[in-house]
Amino acid sequence: AIASLVCAGAASAQIPVEVRTSVSRTAVWPGDRTIFTVELRCAPQVDVLIEDLAASRLRVDGGDVVAVQEDHDESGQGAIRRFRYTLVTYRVDVPELRIAAIPVRYYMRRAGGVQGAPAGQVMVPPTLVAVRSVIPDGEGTPTVRVPAGFRPAPRYLALAQPVGLILIALAIVPVVVM
């Protein structure tokens, strides 16, 4: 999903912050990890508040955030900030991981890299990741299979025990004699 948002009342035609999101997998099994990536492309002299993208602010219904990795690229055409959230769920009773929308404030940088007051806000769109299970949908709890019962062993196996004991005795006799 890609979303581009413009500050209301922006005088220039340039977008201050462009938001792109992606997931490494569109469906996961319980216990699998997926990476949710948020990429913010900032115009020159614009930056975002990093605190708004902290793991504690990311709300994931049905799962947990286990790690966050941040990358920052700076060029003359603006900055690119990437946040990679590693998500996991161990629940089988949820049909999907729901990642809620995240409001991210941005600001205009002043001379010397000083942060100004927030100039606006962009929204990281919500995302869904399906959770699958080996239990078929709609069938409820599977029944327990009961074994059909024991079958009698073939007759020739009835001689196995006496023959085995005789072989053990024959192996012990040379050891005792020595």
Protein backbone atom coordinates (compact mmCIF):
# COMPACT_ATOMS: atom_id res chain seq x y z
CA ALA A 1 0.00 0.00 0.00
CA ILE A 2 1.27 3.44 -0.87
CA ALA A 3 -0.15 6.63 0.54
CA SER A 4 0.88 10.20 -0.17
CA LEU A 5 -0.45 12.97 2.01
CA VAL A 6 -0.09 16.74 1.73
CA CYS A 7 -0.22 19.20 4.62
CA ALA A 8 -3.48 21.15 4.49
CA GLY A 9 -2.80 24.69 3.35
CA ALA A 10 0.67 23.92 1.94
CA ALA A 11 1.75 26.73 -0.33
CA SER A 12 4.07 24.68 -2.51
CA ALA A 13 3.12 21.87 -4.85
CA GLN A 14 5.79 19.66 -3.29
CA ILE A 15 4.60 16.96 -0.90
CA PRO A 16 6.29 17.46 2.51
CA VAL A 17 6.16 13.77 3.50
CA GLU A 18 5.31 10.75 1.37
CA VAL A 19 4.38 7.54 3.21
CA ARG A 20 4.91 4.03 1.81
CA THR A 21 4.19 0.79 3.63
CA SER A 22 4.79 -2.85 2.82
CA VAL A 23 4.74 -6.27 4.47
CA SER A 24 7.15 -9.11 3.75
CA ARG A 25 4.32 -11.68 3.82
CA THR A 26 0.62 -11.31 3.17
CA ALA A 27 -0.26 -14.34 5.31
CA VAL A 28 1.50 -16.03 8.23
CA TRP A 29 1.18 -19.15 10.32
CA PRO A 30 1.09 -18.79 14.09
CA GLY A 31 4.70 -18.37 15.21
CA ASP A 32 5.93 -16.99 11.88
CA ARG A 33 7.49 -13.55 11.70
CA THR A 34 6.67 -10.88 9.18
CA ILE A 35 8.31 -7.52 8.59
CA PHE A 36 6.12 -4.41 8.35
CA THR A 37 8.08 -1.60 6.67
CA VAL A 38 7.18 2.08 6.90
CA GLU A 39 9.10 4.38 4.57
CA LEU A 40 8.80 8.15 4.96
CA ARG A 41 10.21 10.30 2.14
CA CYS A 42 10.67 13.85 3.41
CA ALA A 43 11.10 16.94 1.25
CA PRO A 44 14.26 19.04 1.78
CA GLN A 45 14.32 20.78 5.18
CA VAL A 46 11.48 18.54 6.43
CA ASP A 47 11.84 15.73 8.95
CA VAL A 48 9.54 13.57 11.09
CA LEU A 49 9.37 13.05 14.84
CA ILE A 50 11.01 9.70 15.48
CA GLU A 51 9.11 9.25 18.74
CA ASP A 52 5.87 8.89 16.76
CA LEU A 53 7.26 5.71 15.15
CA ALA A 54 8.49 3.99 18.31
CA ALA A 55 7.54 0.35 18.80
CA SER A 56 5.47 1.29 21.83
CA ARG A 57 3.23 3.46 19.63
CA LEU A 58 2.60 0.79 17.01
CA ARG A 59 -0.67 -0.95 17.87
CA VAL A 60 -0.88 -4.50 16.53
CA ASP A 61 -4.12 -6.31 17.31
CA GLY A 62 -3.55 -10.07 17.45
CA GLY A 63 0.26 -9.92 17.54
CA ASP A 64 3.36 -8.42 19.06
CA VAL A 65 6.26 -6.25 17.92
CA VAL A 66 9.47 -8.14 18.70
CA ALA A 67 12.04 -5.84 17.04
CA VAL A 68 12.41 -2.48 15.30
CA GLN A 69 15.15 -1.44 12.91
CA GLU A 70 15.57 2.14 11.68
CA ASP A 71 17.47 3.30 8.58
CA HIS A 72 18.10 6.92 7.60
CA ASP A 73 19.27 8.16 4.19
CA GLU A 74 19.99 11.85 3.64
CA SER A 75 20.42 13.48 0.24
CA GLY A 76 20.02 16.94 -1.27
CA GLN A 77 16.50 15.98 -2.33
CA GLY A 78 15.37 15.20 1.20
CA ALA A 79 15.57 12.45 3.77
CA ILE A 80 14.26 8.90 3.68
CA ARG A 81 13.47 7.17 6.97
CA ARG A 82 12.67 3.47 7.02
CA PHE A 83 11.30 1.61 10.01
CA ARG A 84 11.16 -2.20 9.88
CA TYR A 85 8.94 -3.70 12.55
CA THR A 86 9.24 -7.47 13.09
CA LEU A 87 5.81 -8.81 14.04
CA VAL A 88 4.77 -12.22 15.32
CA THR A 89 1.62 -13.89 16.63
CA TYR A 90 1.28 -17.10 18.60
CA ARG A 91 -2.50 -17.04 18.71
CA VAL A 92 -4.65 -19.34 16.60
CA ASP A 93 -7.93 -17.65 17.47
CA VAL A 94 -7.29 -14.48 15.43
CA PRO A 95 -7.96 -14.41 11.68
CA GLU A 96 -5.52 -11.55 10.99
CA LEU A 97 -2.94 -9.18 12.39
CA ARG A 98 -4.37 -5.66 12.36
CA ILE A 99 -1.83 -2.87 12.31
CA ALA A 100 -3.57 0.36 13.24
CA ALA A 101 -3.00 3.67 11.48
CA ILE A 102 -0.12 5.70 12.92
CA PRO A 103 -0.21 9.51 13.06
CA VAL A 104 3.28 10.91 12.37
CA ARG A 105 4.09 14.58 12.94
CA TYR A 106 6.61 16.37 10.76
CA TYR A 107 8.44 19.66 11.16
CA MET A 108 10.50 22.13 9.16
CA ARG A 109 14.21 22.17 10.01
CA ARG A 110 15.75 25.51 10.80
CA ALA A 111 19.31 26.67 10.20
CA GLY A 112 21.85 24.58 12.05
CA GLY A 113 19.57 21.51 12.12
CA VAL A 114 17.36 22.91 14.88
CA GLN A 115 13.92 21.33 15.09
CA GLY A 116 10.99 23.71 14.71
CA ALA A 117 7.42 23.30 15.89
CA PRO A 118 5.39 20.53 14.20
CA ALA A 119 4.24 21.76 10.80
CA GLY A 120 1.70 19.03 10.12
CA GLN A 121 0.82 15.40 10.38
CA VAL A 122 0.66 12.43 8.01
CA MET A 123 -1.05 9.10 8.62
CA VAL A 124 0.56 5.73 8.03
CA PRO A 125 -2.36 3.68 6.67
CA PRO A 126 -3.62 0.59 8.51
CA THR A 127 -2.50 -2.82 7.29
CA LEU A 128 -3.81 -6.40 7.58
CA VAL A 129 -1.85 -9.65 7.54
CA ALA A 130 -3.86 -12.87 7.40
CA VAL A 131 -3.16 -15.56 10.00
CA ARG A 132 -3.66 -19.11 8.79
CA SER A 133 -3.88 -22.40 10.65
CA VAL A 134 -3.83 -26.07 9.75
CA ILE A 135 -7.22 -26.39 11.42
CA PRO A 136 -9.88 -26.09 8.68
CA ASP A 137 -12.07 -23.01 8.85
CA GLY A 138 -15.69 -23.44 9.88
CA GLU A 139 -15.41 -26.99 11.17
CA GLY A 140 -14.94 -26.15 14.82
CA THR A 141 -12.75 -28.32 16.99
CA PRO A 142 -11.51 -31.47 15.25
CA THR A 143 -12.52 -34.80 16.81
CA VAL A 144 -10.00 -37.10 18.45
CA ARG A 145 -9.25 -40.24 16.46
CA VAL A 146 -9.77 -43.47 18.40
CA PRO A 147 -7.62 -46.44 17.38
CA ALA A 148 -9.51 -49.41 15.96
CA GLY A 149 -8.04 -51.80 18.53
CA PHE A 150 -5.12 -54.18 18.76
CA ARG A 151 -4.53 -56.93 16.22
CA PRO A 152 -3.01 -60.19 17.42
CA ALA A 153 0.61 -60.76 16.45
CA PRO A 154 1.41 -63.39 13.81
CA ARG A 155 2.07 -66.93 15.17
CA TYR A 156 5.70 -67.03 14.12
CA LEU A 157 6.43 -64.08 16.48
CA ALA A 158 5.35 -66.26 19.42
CA LEU A 159 8.66 -68.10 19.06
CA ALA A 160 10.69 -64.88 19.13
CA GLN A 161 10.95 -64.68 22.93
CA PRO A 162 12.23 -68.22 23.59
CA VAL A 163 14.65 -68.03 20.64
CA GLY A 164 15.97 -64.67 21.88
CA LEU A 165 16.56 -66.03 25.39
CA ILE A 166 18.44 -69.06 23.99
CA LEU A 167 20.69 -66.77 21.91
CA ILE A 168 21.48 -64.60 24.94
CA ALA A 169 22.34 -67.71 27.00
CA LEU A 170 24.62 -68.99 24.22
CA ALA A 171 26.42 -65.62 24.14
CA ILE A 172 26.90 -65.60 27.93
CA VAL A 173 28.34 -69.15 28.16
CA PRO A 174 31.67 -68.34 26.36
CA VAL A 175 32.13 -65.25 28.52
CA VAL A 176 31.63 -67.28 31.73
CA VAL A 177 34.00 -70.03 30.53
CA MET A 178 36.77 -67.49 29.80
